């Protein structure tokens, strides 16, 4: 006997956008040298966007911009560290609601490529690994270490409960699910890769097409014989695409041709120049791939913002350290605030010509706004807002004290007439050194600095070392050693210093700080506000500050650093309110009276 839906229930399901699609299972697979959807050839034309890098209120707007460029698919990583901030504690709410992001993509008529890692790279803090993995000094990430595999297994099982139901054969939009991520650039342990493959299968990721992705030359090291491969490369030079696929065919004579990351842009480091890439050559390589019927995914279609503390860093494994800026503009087709740049329309025309399908009209986006100038007239000294210390004879890293991000303060007392070379062994990553409250120097891992000479002290002096985690390395062999803070020891004139008071300063919540109009210089929090009659995206000008962090109405927008290139922080309209908007700035070397203003264009 058939059971009828009550009319009200039917209407509610339609309004939710899930009834028709959720009831229709489809088949997506490999057939020879191409993909097929329900038995018919299917060319994937995708663009990557990351849900934590876009305010949730803007997800649908960005998805519609993707559809209007002619994309039929959206690619996203899953960021383990935001979902399991502490072992066994999970967060899929708010901006971490990846399930809702995938559902909205389906409602906008887009398929999804899922990249669940567990490692994601992505210029994201620690490559998406949660910092608590590093508390166990013996654990080795991205290997078959049983302790690492156990943590990954628990996480993957939990993720499967969220996302496995949204695979294509279950009626969802997920057509492809990636196994690990560019592993060939890290190692060639195929037994490890098989373990990750099995964990995904055990978690229910069997109703979409599993695959691996690597650079063309790294395919033998990172791929699995039973899975198709995608290749990742850029389009800065004419002929890049042709050469990349020729390399692929040396290793994989058959199988689908998929450019799983088409680098149509690049990212920025603190102290470097803002990336500008060759749009003409990117377009030429794209046209070549589309005309051959190859599948492609733009990395990035829309970069967004590594809000808060979530930027990663690069290293060559030989001591270099290049932390990424907060903006993930990426010189992408959509800029950091979701607005199309000229290459968006070039790519749109190429896709329409290649597919013969006219894209929907490009949505209109409200212009960004200026905000009134606001002077910092209230302050709170870091030194007057310290938490209770942890006492330890030996130095401890952030992970040792169950801290992931932010700052950490180390304090000890120097006894006797003392001077000499102070060495911070394995500083990660930026330190200010104080004697009796006076700043005597800074050390920057970026510049390979780890030591300075202390002046002579009296019989007793207080030594304070304030350390910022400016972003764990997210790529390469060195990631397993990316503990933050001072990660080995501190020596003075060759002797190890002991007897520490350690103050964790994660700065996740600045609402309890005690502000006043009393002047404050140095490591201080500053507060101001500005009024707007109507909200709009803006770019807060941070050029009058030195180094620190900024919060808007409690939202951690990102980092400030006067070495550039980034001089503004993207402030999205959904995080503003009509009327009074509160701004808090932490500045390591601040002064009263600095001003803040919102611009209608970024300074990157």
Protein backbone atom coordinates (compact mmCIF):
# COMPACT_ATOMS: atom_id res chain seq x y z
CA UNK A 1 0.00 0.00 0.00
CA UNK A 2 1.34 3.45 -0.91
CA UNK A 3 1.60 6.03 1.80
CA UNK A 4 0.88 9.63 0.83
CA UNK A 5 2.78 12.61 2.21
CA UNK A 6 0.47 15.15 3.84
CA UNK A 7 0.40 18.23 1.63
CA UNK A 8 2.02 20.41 4.32
CA UNK A 9 4.94 18.00 4.76
CA UNK A 10 5.45 17.85 0.98
CA UNK A 11 5.53 21.64 0.72
CA UNK A 12 7.97 21.94 3.61
CA UNK A 13 10.35 19.47 1.98
CA UNK A 14 10.23 21.36 -1.31
CA UNK A 15 10.92 24.64 0.49
CA UNK A 16 13.88 23.05 2.25
CA UNK A 17 15.33 22.30 -1.16
CA UNK A 18 16.00 18.68 -0.35
CA UNK A 19 13.01 16.56 -1.39
CA UNK A 20 13.39 16.08 -5.13
CA UNK A 21 17.18 15.83 -5.15
CA UNK A 22 17.50 13.77 -1.96
CA UNK A 23 15.18 11.10 -3.36
CA UNK A 24 17.04 10.66 -6.65
CA UNK A 25 20.14 8.51 -6.54
CA UNK A 26 22.58 8.79 -9.45
CA UNK A 27 25.66 6.93 -10.62
CA UNK A 28 29.03 8.61 -11.15
CA UNK A 29 31.99 6.54 -12.32
CA UNK A 30 34.98 6.20 -14.61
CA UNK A 31 34.48 4.79 -18.09
CA UNK A 32 37.71 4.47 -20.02
CA UNK A 33 39.28 7.90 -20.38
CA UNK A 34 36.38 9.95 -19.00
CA UNK A 35 33.81 10.23 -16.24
CA UNK A 36 30.19 9.22 -16.70
CA UNK A 37 27.09 10.41 -14.88
CA UNK A 38 24.21 7.96 -15.19
CA UNK A 39 26.09 6.34 -18.06
CA UNK A 40 26.61 9.55 -20.04
CA UNK A 41 29.97 11.33 -20.48
CA UNK A 42 30.43 14.08 -17.91
CA UNK A 43 33.08 16.80 -17.96
CA UNK A 44 33.72 18.13 -14.46
CA UNK A 45 34.17 21.91 -14.48
CA UNK A 46 34.70 22.82 -10.85
CA UNK A 47 35.98 25.58 -8.63
CA UNK A 48 37.36 25.33 -5.12
CA UNK A 49 35.91 27.26 -2.19
CA UNK A 50 36.41 26.57 1.51
CA UNK A 51 33.46 26.95 3.86
CA UNK A 52 35.50 28.24 6.89
CA UNK A 53 37.02 30.95 4.70
CA UNK A 54 33.62 32.39 3.73
CA UNK A 55 31.06 33.81 6.18
CA UNK A 56 28.18 31.33 6.31
CA UNK A 57 25.70 34.02 5.30
CA UNK A 58 27.60 34.36 2.00
CA UNK A 59 27.86 30.67 1.06
CA UNK A 60 24.86 30.71 -1.24
CA UNK A 61 25.89 33.98 -2.88
CA UNK A 62 29.32 32.56 -3.68
CA UNK A 63 27.80 29.32 -5.01
CA UNK A 64 25.58 31.32 -7.34
CA UNK A 65 28.62 33.21 -8.59
CA UNK A 66 30.21 29.83 -9.36
CA UNK A 67 27.14 28.71 -11.28
CA UNK A 68 27.18 32.01 -13.19
CA UNK A 69 30.76 31.40 -14.33
CA UNK A 70 29.61 28.13 -15.87
CA UNK A 71 30.84 25.74 -13.18
CA UNK A 72 28.90 22.53 -12.60
CA UNK A 73 30.79 21.44 -9.46
CA UNK A 74 32.28 22.88 -6.27
CA UNK A 75 35.39 21.46 -4.60
CA UNK A 76 36.13 21.80 -0.90
CA UNK A 77 38.54 20.45 1.66
CA UNK A 78 37.32 19.34 5.07
CA UNK A 79 39.35 20.96 7.86
CA UNK A 80 39.85 18.50 10.70
CA UNK A 81 41.25 21.09 13.11
CA UNK A 82 38.11 23.25 13.12
CA UNK A 83 35.81 20.24 13.60
CA UNK A 84 37.71 18.44 16.39
CA UNK A 85 39.38 21.22 18.40
CA UNK A 86 39.92 18.81 21.31
CA UNK A 87 40.12 15.01 21.11
CA UNK A 88 36.63 13.57 20.82
CA UNK A 89 34.87 16.96 20.85
CA UNK A 90 33.24 17.82 17.52
CA UNK A 91 31.90 21.04 16.07
CA UNK A 92 29.77 21.09 12.92
CA UNK A 93 27.94 24.32 13.76
CA UNK A 94 27.95 27.81 12.29
CA UNK A 95 30.77 28.34 9.82
CA UNK A 96 31.88 24.74 10.43
CA UNK A 97 28.60 23.27 9.14
CA UNK A 98 30.11 21.53 6.13
CA UNK A 99 26.93 19.48 5.69
CA UNK A 100 24.91 22.63 5.10
CA UNK A 101 27.55 23.93 2.69
CA UNK A 102 27.28 20.74 0.63
CA UNK A 103 23.49 20.85 0.73
CA UNK A 104 23.43 24.46 -0.45
CA UNK A 105 25.70 23.55 -3.35
CA UNK A 106 23.19 20.87 -4.36
CA UNK A 107 20.29 23.27 -4.03
CA UNK A 108 22.08 25.63 -6.40
CA UNK A 109 22.46 22.87 -8.98
CA UNK A 110 26.12 22.08 -8.30
CA UNK A 111 27.88 18.78 -7.70
CA UNK A 112 30.61 18.53 -5.06
CA UNK A 113 34.15 17.17 -4.95
CA UNK A 114 35.01 16.34 -1.33
CA UNK A 115 38.60 16.41 -0.08
CA UNK A 116 38.44 15.01 3.47
CA UNK A 117 42.19 14.67 3.99
CA UNK A 118 42.97 14.06 6.80
CA UNK A 119 45.79 16.33 5.56
CA UNK A 120 44.72 19.24 3.36
CA UNK A 121 47.70 21.63 2.93
CA UNK A 122 45.61 24.61 1.66
CA UNK A 123 47.89 27.27 3.20
CA UNK A 124 45.90 26.39 6.34
CA UNK A 125 47.28 26.10 9.87
CA UNK A 126 49.20 22.79 10.24
CA UNK A 127 47.68 21.56 6.98
CA UNK A 128 44.34 21.08 8.71
CA UNK A 129 45.66 18.76 11.41
CA UNK A 130 44.49 19.60 14.95
CA UNK A 131 47.32 20.95 17.10
CA UNK A 132 46.61 18.44 19.87
CA UNK A 133 48.19 15.70 17.74
CA UNK A 134 51.53 17.29 18.63
CA UNK A 135 51.07 16.88 22.38
CA UNK A 136 52.32 13.31 21.96
CA UNK A 137 55.97 13.96 21.07
CA UNK A 138 56.33 10.44 19.72
CA UNK A 139 53.42 10.58 17.25
CA UNK A 140 54.43 10.84 13.60
CA UNK A 141 51.76 12.41 11.38
CA UNK A 142 51.08 11.28 7.80
CA UNK A 143 52.52 7.83 8.50
CA UNK A 144 51.32 4.40 9.57
CA UNK A 145 52.14 5.23 13.19
CA UNK A 146 49.32 3.38 15.04
CA UNK A 147 48.63 6.37 17.28
CA UNK A 148 48.18 8.67 14.30
CA UNK A 149 46.04 6.12 12.43
CA UNK A 150 43.84 5.66 15.50
CA UNK A 151 43.17 9.41 15.68
CA UNK A 152 42.45 9.55 11.94
CA UNK A 153 40.14 6.53 12.16
CA UNK A 154 38.07 8.09 14.92
CA UNK A 155 37.80 11.35 12.99
CA UNK A 156 37.01 9.73 9.62
CA UNK A 157 34.28 7.60 11.18
CA UNK A 158 32.70 10.70 12.68
CA UNK A 159 32.95 12.60 9.40
CA UNK A 160 31.33 9.72 7.54
CA UNK A 161 28.24 10.07 9.71
CA UNK A 162 27.95 13.67 8.53
CA UNK A 163 28.83 13.46 4.84
CA UNK A 164 28.54 9.88 3.57
CA UNK A 165 24.73 10.26 3.20
CA UNK A 166 25.36 13.13 0.77
CA UNK A 167 27.19 11.06 -1.86
CA UNK A 168 25.77 10.83 -5.37
CA UNK A 169 24.47 7.26 -5.07
CA UNK A 170 22.59 8.28 -1.93
CA UNK A 171 20.93 11.19 -3.72
CA UNK A 172 23.46 13.81 -2.62
CA UNK A 173 25.80 15.97 -4.74
CA UNK A 174 29.20 14.43 -3.83
CA UNK A 175 30.55 12.82 -6.99
CA UNK A 176 34.25 12.47 -6.10
CA UNK A 177 36.00 11.91 -2.76
CA UNK A 178 39.75 12.33 -2.51
CA UNK A 179 42.03 9.94 -0.61
CA UNK A 180 44.66 11.89 1.41
CA UNK A 181 46.12 14.85 -0.49
CA UNK A 182 49.20 15.23 -2.68
CA UNK A 183 50.92 12.49 -0.72
CA UNK A 184 53.51 12.05 -3.47
CA UNK A 185 54.99 15.41 -2.46
CA UNK A 186 55.55 14.04 1.05
CA UNK A 187 56.43 10.35 0.73
CA UNK A 188 55.82 7.11 -1.12
CA UNK A 189 54.43 4.85 1.62
CA UNK A 190 51.71 3.05 -0.31
CA UNK A 191 50.81 0.95 2.73
CA UNK A 192 49.91 4.19 4.53
CA UNK A 193 47.84 5.34 1.56
CA UNK A 194 46.00 2.03 1.54
CA UNK A 195 45.18 2.52 5.22
CA UNK A 196 43.67 5.95 4.54
CA UNK A 197 41.75 4.47 1.60
CA UNK A 198 40.34 1.74 3.83
CA UNK A 199 39.37 4.21 6.56
CA UNK A 200 37.32 6.19 4.05
CA UNK A 201 35.65 3.04 2.77
CA UNK A 202 34.90 1.90 6.33
CA UNK A 203 33.41 5.35 7.05
CA UNK A 204 30.91 4.86 4.21
CA UNK A 205 32.57 6.78 1.38
CA UNK A 206 31.68 4.09 -1.17
CA UNK A 207 28.86 5.85 -3.02
CA UNK A 208 31.07 8.38 -4.81
CA UNK A 209 34.18 7.89 -6.92
CA UNK A 210 37.33 7.75 -4.78
CA UNK A 211 40.52 9.17 -6.31
CA UNK A 212 43.98 10.50 -5.47
CA UNK A 213 45.60 13.79 -6.52
CA UNK A 214 49.26 14.72 -6.98
CA UNK A 215 51.56 16.82 -9.09
CA UNK A 216 52.17 15.08 -12.44
CA UNK A 217 55.69 13.95 -11.51
CA UNK A 218 54.57 12.73 -8.08
CA UNK A 219 51.80 10.42 -9.33
CA UNK A 220 53.83 7.18 -8.88
CA UNK A 221 54.63 8.03 -5.25
CA UNK A 222 51.19 9.24 -4.16
CA UNK A 223 48.65 7.24 -6.16
CA UNK A 224 47.02 3.84 -5.66
CA UNK A 225 46.66 1.39 -8.56
CA UNK A 226 42.98 0.76 -7.91
CA UNK A 227 41.98 4.43 -8.00
CA UNK A 228 41.93 7.08 -10.74
CA UNK A 229 44.19 10.07 -10.32
CA UNK A 230 43.90 13.81 -10.70
CA UNK A 231 46.89 16.04 -11.32
CA UNK A 232 47.57 19.46 -9.82
CA UNK A 233 49.44 22.18 -11.69
CA UNK A 234 49.40 25.86 -12.65
CA UNK A 235 48.85 27.74 -15.87
CA UNK A 236 51.42 30.51 -15.67
CA UNK A 237 53.15 29.48 -18.90
CA UNK A 238 51.76 28.63 -22.28
CA UNK A 239 51.70 24.86 -22.71
CA UNK A 240 51.70 23.98 -19.00
CA UNK A 241 48.53 21.93 -19.31
CA UNK A 242 49.71 20.00 -22.36
CA UNK A 243 53.00 19.14 -20.66
CA UNK A 244 51.29 18.11 -17.41
CA UNK A 245 48.93 15.68 -19.11
CA UNK A 246 51.77 14.27 -21.21
CA UNK A 247 53.58 13.48 -17.95
CA UNK A 248 50.44 11.89 -16.52
CA UNK A 249 50.13 9.58 -19.50
CA UNK A 250 53.67 8.29 -18.96
CA UNK A 251 52.52 6.92 -15.61
CA UNK A 252 48.85 6.31 -16.35
CA UNK A 253 48.30 5.52 -20.05
CA UNK A 254 44.57 5.13 -19.43
CA UNK A 255 42.00 6.68 -17.13
CA UNK A 256 40.20 10.02 -16.92
CA UNK A 257 42.01 13.28 -17.60
CA UNK A 258 41.38 15.48 -14.57
CA UNK A 259 43.19 18.66 -13.53
CA UNK A 260 42.16 18.40 -9.89
CA UNK A 261 43.82 21.70 -8.93
CA UNK A 262 44.25 24.31 -11.65
CA UNK A 263 46.33 27.01 -9.98
CA UNK A 264 44.79 30.10 -11.56
CA UNK A 265 46.36 32.35 -8.92
CA UNK A 266 48.71 32.22 -5.92
CA UNK A 267 49.02 33.20 -2.25
CA UNK A 268 51.01 35.74 -0.21
CA UNK A 269 53.58 35.56 2.60
CA UNK A 270 54.20 38.17 5.28
CA UNK A 271 57.12 40.33 4.22
CA UNK A 272 56.73 39.39 0.55
CA UNK A 273 54.98 40.88 -2.43
CA UNK A 274 51.31 40.50 -3.28
CA UNK A 275 50.88 37.74 -5.87
CA UNK A 276 49.93 38.75 -9.38
CA UNK A 277 49.59 35.97 -11.93
CA UNK A 278 49.35 35.71 -15.72
CA UNK A 279 45.66 35.64 -16.59
CA UNK A 280 46.28 35.35 -20.34
CA UNK A 281 48.30 32.15 -20.02
CA UNK A 282 45.82 30.80 -17.48
CA UNK A 283 43.05 31.34 -20.03
CA UNK A 284 45.07 29.70 -22.81
CA UNK A 285 45.72 26.57 -20.74
CA UNK A 286 42.08 26.44 -19.67
CA UNK A 287 40.91 26.67 -23.27
CA UNK A 288 43.24 23.82 -24.24
CA UNK A 289 41.91 21.56 -21.46
CA UNK A 290 38.25 22.32 -22.13
CA UNK A 291 38.63 21.79 -25.87
CA UNK A 292 40.05 18.32 -25.21
CA UNK A 293 37.13 17.43 -22.98
CA UNK A 294 39.32 17.24 -19.87
CA UNK A 295 37.90 17.89 -16.42
CA UNK A 296 39.24 20.78 -14.38
CA UNK A 297 38.87 22.34 -10.93
CA UNK A 298 40.06 25.91 -10.37
CA UNK A 299 42.23 26.32 -7.29
CA UNK A 300 40.99 28.71 -6.13
CA UNK A 301 37.76 29.89 -7.72
CA UNK A 302 37.23 31.97 -4.58
CA UNK A 303 39.92 32.02 -1.91
CA UNK A 304 38.25 33.98 0.86
CA UNK A 305 39.94 34.66 4.19
CA UNK A 306 41.94 32.60 6.70
CA UNK A 307 40.10 34.25 9.58
CA UNK A 308 41.53 34.32 13.07
CA UNK A 309 44.66 32.20 13.47
CA UNK A 310 44.13 29.84 10.55
CA UNK A 311 46.88 30.88 8.11
CA UNK A 312 49.56 28.31 7.44
CA UNK A 313 53.21 28.71 6.50
CA UNK A 314 55.73 27.32 4.03
CA UNK A 315 59.15 25.84 4.71
CA UNK A 316 61.79 24.23 2.55
CA UNK A 317 62.60 21.83 5.38
CA UNK A 318 66.03 23.44 5.77
CA UNK A 319 65.14 26.19 8.20
CA UNK A 320 63.14 28.59 6.04
CA UNK A 321 59.81 29.82 7.37
CA UNK A 322 57.28 31.86 5.40
CA UNK A 323 54.00 32.50 7.24
CA UNK A 324 51.00 33.27 5.04
CA UNK A 325 48.94 36.43 5.36
CA UNK A 326 45.33 36.37 6.54
CA UNK A 327 43.88 37.20 3.12
CA UNK A 328 43.47 34.20 0.84
CA UNK A 329 42.58 36.42 -2.10
CA UNK A 330 44.72 34.11 -4.27
CA UNK A 331 44.37 36.35 -7.34
CA UNK A 332 41.32 34.17 -8.01
CA UNK A 333 38.35 34.73 -10.33
CA UNK A 334 36.38 35.98 -7.31
CA UNK A 335 38.37 38.23 -5.00
CA UNK A 336 38.53 37.88 -1.23
CA UNK A 337 35.16 39.58 -0.78
CA UNK A 338 33.43 37.52 -3.49
CA UNK A 339 33.51 40.11 -6.26
CA UNK A 340 34.37 39.05 -9.81
CA UNK A 341 37.64 40.28 -11.31
CA UNK A 342 38.33 40.51 -15.07
CA UNK A 343 39.55 36.90 -15.38
CA UNK A 344 36.15 35.72 -14.06
CA UNK A 345 34.50 36.94 -17.26
CA UNK A 346 37.29 35.57 -19.48
CA UNK A 347 36.90 32.12 -17.92
CA UNK A 348 33.11 32.39 -18.13
CA UNK A 349 33.24 33.04 -21.86
CA UNK A 350 35.68 30.16 -22.45
CA UNK A 351 33.50 27.71 -20.52
CA UNK A 352 30.34 28.78 -22.35
CA UNK A 353 32.07 28.41 -25.71
CA UNK A 354 33.49 24.98 -24.88
CA UNK A 355 30.28 23.54 -23.42
CA UNK A 356 27.73 25.29 -25.61
CA UNK A 357 25.78 26.13 -22.45
CA UNK A 358 25.03 29.73 -21.58
CA UNK A 359 25.70 30.48 -17.92
CA UNK A 360 23.09 32.21 -15.74
CA UNK A 361 23.37 35.98 -15.35
CA UNK A 362 26.11 37.15 -12.98
CA UNK A 363 24.52 38.15 -9.65
CA UNK A 364 24.82 41.74 -8.50
CA UNK A 365 26.81 42.27 -5.30
CA UNK A 366 26.32 45.33 -3.12
CA UNK A 367 29.33 47.67 -3.17
CA UNK A 368 31.76 47.79 -0.26
CA UNK A 369 31.52 50.78 2.05
CA UNK A 370 33.69 53.26 3.88
CA UNK A 371 33.34 53.50 7.66
CA UNK A 372 34.07 56.55 9.82
CA UNK A 373 37.52 57.02 11.30
CA UNK A 374 37.66 55.75 14.88
CA UNK A 375 40.44 56.53 17.36
CA UNK A 376 41.65 54.01 19.94
CA UNK A 377 40.99 55.77 23.24
CA UNK A 378 40.51 52.78 25.55
CA UNK A 379 43.16 50.18 26.37
CA UNK A 380 43.90 47.14 28.48
CA UNK A 381 47.46 46.10 29.25
CA UNK A 382 48.31 42.49 28.51
CA UNK A 383 50.35 42.45 31.73
CA UNK A 384 47.32 43.37 33.82
CA UNK A 385 45.14 40.71 32.19
CA UNK A 386 47.28 37.60 32.57
CA UNK A 387 45.65 34.29 33.51
CA UNK A 388 46.90 32.06 36.31
CA UNK A 389 50.27 30.59 35.34
CA UNK A 390 51.30 27.00 34.89
CA UNK A 391 54.50 26.25 36.82
CA UNK A 392 57.07 24.01 35.22
CA UNK A 393 60.74 23.46 35.84
CA UNK A 394 61.29 22.94 32.09
CA UNK A 395 60.00 24.94 29.16
CA UNK A 396 56.74 23.66 27.61
CA UNK A 397 55.27 24.19 24.14
CA UNK A 398 51.73 25.38 23.50
CA UNK A 399 50.65 21.80 22.81
CA UNK A 400 52.14 20.63 26.11
CA UNK A 401 49.73 22.96 27.94
CA UNK A 402 46.75 22.08 25.70
CA UNK A 403 46.87 25.32 23.71
CA UNK A 404 46.52 25.49 19.94
CA UNK A 405 46.76 29.12 18.76
CA UNK A 406 47.53 32.64 19.88
CA UNK A 407 50.32 33.68 22.23
CA UNK A 408 52.16 32.20 25.19
CA UNK A 409 54.20 33.98 27.87
CA UNK A 410 57.23 32.42 29.56
CA UNK A 411 58.50 34.02 32.79
CA UNK A 412 61.45 33.20 35.01
CA UNK A 413 63.74 35.00 37.45
CA UNK A 414 67.41 35.54 36.69
CA UNK A 415 69.50 35.44 39.86
CA UNK A 416 72.92 36.93 40.23
CA UNK A 417 74.76 39.36 37.99
CA UNK A 418 73.76 37.96 34.60
CA UNK A 419 74.47 38.81 30.98
CA UNK A 420 75.29 36.94 27.79
CA UNK A 421 73.71 35.34 24.78
CA UNK A 422 70.08 34.29 25.23
CA UNK A 423 69.11 31.43 22.88
CA UNK A 424 65.54 30.30 22.23
CA UNK A 425 66.08 26.79 20.92
CA UNK A 426 63.46 26.08 18.23
CA UNK A 427 61.43 29.28 18.50
CA UNK A 428 58.04 28.93 16.82
CA UNK A 429 57.65 31.62 15.73
CA UNK A 430 57.97 35.25 16.93
CA UNK A 431 59.18 36.47 20.33
CA UNK A 432 59.51 39.67 22.32
CA UNK A 433 62.03 39.57 25.18
CA UNK A 434 61.64 41.75 28.27
CA UNK A 435 63.86 42.36 31.31
CA UNK A 436 61.99 43.73 34.31
CA UNK A 437 59.18 44.78 32.00
CA UNK A 438 61.38 46.59 29.49
CA UNK A 439 61.50 45.35 25.89
CA UNK A 440 65.10 44.47 24.99
CA UNK A 441 64.58 42.81 21.62
CA UNK A 442 62.52 40.71 19.21
CA UNK A 443 63.28 37.43 17.45
CA UNK A 444 61.62 36.30 14.24
CA UNK A 445 61.75 32.72 12.94
CA UNK A 446 61.00 34.12 9.48
CA UNK A 447 64.41 35.82 9.58
CA UNK A 448 66.10 32.74 11.15
CA UNK A 449 66.59 34.64 14.41
CA UNK A 450 66.77 32.68 17.66
CA UNK A 451 69.23 34.58 19.88
CA UNK A 452 70.23 37.97 21.24
CA UNK A 453 72.62 39.36 23.83
CA UNK A 454 71.07 40.35 27.15
CA UNK A 455 72.50 43.39 28.91
CA UNK A 456 73.94 42.97 32.37
CA UNK A 457 71.31 42.66 35.09
CA UNK A 458 71.29 43.31 38.80
CA UNK A 459 71.25 40.56 41.39
CA UNK A 460 67.71 39.65 40.45
CA UNK A 461 65.79 40.30 37.23
CA UNK A 462 62.53 39.11 35.73
CA UNK A 463 62.81 37.65 32.24
CA UNK A 464 59.62 37.56 30.15
CA UNK A 465 59.45 35.96 26.71
CA UNK A 466 56.18 36.59 24.86
CA UNK A 467 55.80 34.24 21.88
CA UNK A 468 53.31 34.33 19.03
CA UNK A 469 52.38 31.29 16.97
CA UNK A 470 52.32 32.98 13.55
CA UNK A 471 51.09 29.82 11.82
CA UNK A 472 52.33 26.23 11.75
CA UNK A 473 53.93 24.98 8.54
CA UNK A 474 51.35 23.25 6.34
CA UNK A 475 53.54 21.66 3.67
CA UNK A 476 56.56 19.39 3.48
CA UNK A 477 58.51 17.04 5.68
CA UNK A 478 58.87 19.48 8.58
CA UNK A 479 55.19 19.52 9.57
CA UNK A 480 55.63 16.87 12.25
CA UNK A 481 57.91 19.18 14.23
CA UNK A 482 55.60 22.17 14.21
CA UNK A 483 54.98 22.62 17.92
CA UNK A 484 54.37 26.26 18.80
CA UNK A 485 56.04 28.46 21.39
CA UNK A 486 59.56 27.62 22.54
CA UNK A 487 59.81 23.97 21.65
CA UNK A 488 63.15 22.87 23.18
CA UNK A 489 64.88 25.03 25.76
CA UNK A 490 66.12 28.50 26.66
CA UNK A 491 69.78 29.02 27.46
CA UNK A 492 71.64 32.06 28.77
CA UNK A 493 75.42 32.20 28.40
CA UNK A 494 75.32 28.49 27.59
CA UNK A 495 73.37 27.41 30.66
CA UNK A 496 69.77 26.16 30.53
CA UNK A 497 67.17 28.33 32.26
CA UNK A 498 64.60 26.57 34.42
CA UNK A 499 61.84 27.40 36.89
CA UNK A 500 59.21 28.81 34.54
CA UNK A 501 55.80 30.36 34.99
CA UNK A 502 53.90 29.79 31.74
CA UNK A 503 50.82 31.82 30.78
CA UNK A 504 48.69 30.43 27.91
CA UNK A 505 47.16 33.31 25.93
CA UNK A 506 44.88 31.75 23.27
CA UNK A 507 42.86 34.99 22.97
CA UNK A 508 39.77 33.14 21.81
CA UNK A 509 37.55 35.57 23.73
CA UNK A 510 38.40 39.20 24.43
CA UNK A 511 35.05 40.16 25.97
CA UNK A 512 36.26 39.90 29.58
CA UNK A 513 39.15 42.35 29.24
CA UNK A 514 39.09 45.36 31.56
CA UNK A 515 39.48 48.51 29.48
CA UNK A 516 40.11 52.05 30.67
CA UNK A 517 41.34 55.36 29.30
CA UNK A 518 44.61 54.98 31.15
CA UNK A 519 47.50 55.27 28.62
CA UNK A 520 48.96 51.96 27.52
CA UNK A 521 52.00 51.31 25.33
CA UNK A 522 53.61 48.06 24.27
CA UNK A 523 51.69 44.79 24.40
CA UNK A 524 48.18 46.19 24.80
CA UNK A 525 44.61 45.66 23.70
CA UNK A 526 42.90 48.74 22.28
CA UNK A 527 39.19 49.27 21.84
CA UNK A 528 37.06 51.59 19.77
CA UNK A 529 33.80 51.56 17.83
CA UNK A 530 32.29 53.03 14.70
CA UNK A 531 28.70 53.66 13.65
CA UNK A 532 27.14 52.78 10.31
CA UNK A 533 23.60 53.47 9.14
CA UNK A 534 23.65 50.47 6.81
CA UNK A 535 26.00 47.50 6.91
CA UNK A 536 28.25 46.57 4.02
CA UNK A 537 31.51 44.81 3.35
CA UNK A 538 34.51 46.93 4.24
CA UNK A 539 38.28 46.60 4.56
CA UNK A 540 39.63 47.82 7.88
CA UNK A 541 42.84 49.79 7.44
CA UNK A 542 45.44 48.44 9.90
CA UNK A 543 48.35 50.57 8.71
CA UNK A 544 48.71 52.45 12.04
CA UNK A 545 49.40 49.26 14.01
CA UNK A 546 52.53 47.11 14.23
CA UNK A 547 51.81 43.42 14.88
CA UNK A 548 48.86 41.66 16.40
CA UNK A 549 45.25 40.69 15.89
CA UNK A 550 41.86 42.36 15.29
CA UNK A 551 38.33 41.47 16.38
CA UNK A 552 35.11 42.98 15.00
CA UNK A 553 32.05 42.46 17.20
CA UNK A 554 33.83 39.45 18.68
CA UNK A 555 34.78 37.91 15.32
CA UNK A 556 38.53 37.33 14.95
CA UNK A 557 39.20 38.82 11.51
CA UNK A 558 42.90 38.02 11.33
CA UNK A 559 46.45 39.19 11.80
CA UNK A 560 48.10 42.60 11.61
CA UNK A 561 51.76 42.97 10.68
CA UNK A 562 53.39 46.12 9.39
CA UNK A 563 55.86 44.16 7.23
CA UNK A 564 53.00 43.77 4.71
CA UNK A 565 51.99 43.19 2.03
CA UNK A 566 48.50 43.05 3.59
CA UNK A 567 47.43 46.37 5.10
CA UNK A 568 43.67 45.83 5.45
CA UNK A 569 41.47 43.13 6.94
CA UNK A 570 38.27 42.04 5.21
CA UNK A 571 35.24 42.80 7.40
CA UNK A 572 32.13 41.10 5.95
CA UNK A 573 28.76 42.81 6.20
CA UNK A 574 27.07 39.86 8.00
CA UNK A 575 29.44 40.35 10.92
CA UNK A 576 28.51 44.02 11.26
CA UNK A 577 25.39 45.65 12.72
CA UNK A 578 23.53 48.83 11.99
CA UNK A 579 24.67 51.37 14.55
CA UNK A 580 27.59 50.76 16.88
CA UNK A 581 30.29 48.21 15.93
CA UNK A 582 32.99 47.24 18.44
CA UNK A 583 36.61 46.79 17.38
CA UNK A 584 39.39 45.37 19.56
CA UNK A 585 43.01 45.37 18.43
CA UNK A 586 45.89 43.59 20.13
CA UNK A 587 49.18 45.27 19.22
CA UNK A 588 52.52 43.98 20.46
CA UNK A 589 54.07 47.44 20.24
CA UNK A 590 51.01 49.62 20.37
CA UNK A 591 50.40 53.24 21.27
CA UNK A 592 47.29 55.13 22.33
CA UNK A 593 45.48 57.17 19.72
CA UNK A 594 45.93 54.99 16.64
CA UNK A 595 43.03 55.29 14.23
CA UNK A 596 41.04 52.75 12.26
CA UNK A 597 38.86 53.26 9.21
CA UNK A 598 37.02 51.07 6.75
CA UNK A 599 37.92 51.35 3.05
CA UNK A 600 35.86 50.27 0.05
CA UNK A 601 38.86 48.48 -1.48
CA UNK A 602 41.53 46.26 0.07
CA UNK A 603 45.22 47.11 0.35
CA UNK A 604 47.00 43.81 -0.27
